[in-house]
Amino acid sequence: MSKAHRGKGLRDTVSRGRGTCPVCKRTGVKVLYELEAEGVKYKVCKTCKAAVAHGKKTLAS
């Protein structure tokens, strides 16, 4: 079977969902996961989402 529809939801987003993660400062990664800190929503990468959830990193403001 073909995988023609993989990533279909990303095609509508700006830069296909890629940008700079505010936590790890890496560029060109997919920033798809929303985290909220002090009433402000941030979009972070997958690894930072897991690290914040496990208490290894924090969202510094």
Protein backbone atom coordinates (compact mmCIF):
# COMPACT_ATOMS: atom_id res chain seq x y z
CA MET A 1 0.00 0.00 0.00
CA SER A 2 1.16 3.50 -0.73
CA LYS A 3 1.74 6.12 1.90
CA ALA A 4 0.42 9.09 -0.06
CA HIS A 5 -1.42 10.66 2.88
CA ARG A 6 1.37 10.52 5.43
CA GLY A 7 1.93 14.01 6.86
CA LYS A 8 -1.18 15.42 5.18
CA GLY A 9 -2.03 17.55 8.21
CA LEU A 10 1.38 19.20 8.14
CA ARG A 11 1.00 20.54 4.62
CA ASP A 12 -1.35 23.28 5.81
CA THR A 13 0.93 24.58 8.57
CA VAL A 14 3.57 27.26 8.16
CA SER A 15 6.88 25.79 6.91
CA ARG A 16 5.28 22.34 7.09
CA GLY A 17 5.45 22.42 10.88
CA ARG A 18 9.17 23.10 11.07
CA GLY A 19 10.84 25.81 13.07
CA THR A 20 13.00 26.49 16.10
CA CYS A 21 12.21 24.79 19.40
CA PRO A 22 12.11 27.34 22.24
CA VAL A 23 13.45 24.81 24.78
CA CYS A 24 16.45 23.20 23.06
CA LYS A 25 16.98 25.98 20.45
CA ARG A 26 17.41 23.45 17.60
CA THR A 27 16.43 24.70 14.17
CA GLY A 28 14.62 22.86 11.40
CA VAL A 29 12.79 20.44 13.70
CA LYS A 30 9.06 19.79 13.72
CA VAL A 31 7.50 21.90 16.46
CA LEU A 32 4.10 20.30 16.75
CA TYR A 33 3.48 19.75 20.45
CA GLU A 34 1.86 22.44 22.58
CA LEU A 35 2.93 23.04 26.17
CA GLU A 36 1.56 25.71 28.46
CA ALA A 37 3.58 27.61 31.05
CA GLU A 38 2.31 30.62 33.00
CA GLY A 39 -0.66 31.00 30.66
CA VAL A 40 1.48 31.12 27.51
CA LYS A 41 1.35 28.30 24.96
CA TYR A 42 4.58 27.14 23.38
CA LYS A 43 5.07 24.76 20.46
CA VAL A 44 7.99 22.43 21.15
CA CYS A 45 9.64 19.45 19.49
CA LYS A 46 8.90 15.84 20.36
CA THR A 47 11.99 15.24 22.50
CA CYS A 48 11.47 18.39 24.56
CA LYS A 49 7.82 17.51 25.13
CA ALA A 50 8.89 14.21 26.66
CA ALA A 51 11.71 15.82 28.67
CA VAL A 52 9.37 18.46 30.15
CA ALA A 53 6.81 15.77 30.99
CA HIS A 54 9.44 13.73 32.85
CA GLY A 55 10.87 16.76 34.65
CA LYS A 56 14.25 16.77 32.92
CA LYS A 57 13.77 20.18 31.28
CA THR A 58 11.67 23.22 32.07
CA LEU A 59 10.09 25.93 29.97
CA ALA A 60 12.12 28.98 30.95
CA SER A 61 10.45 32.29 30.34
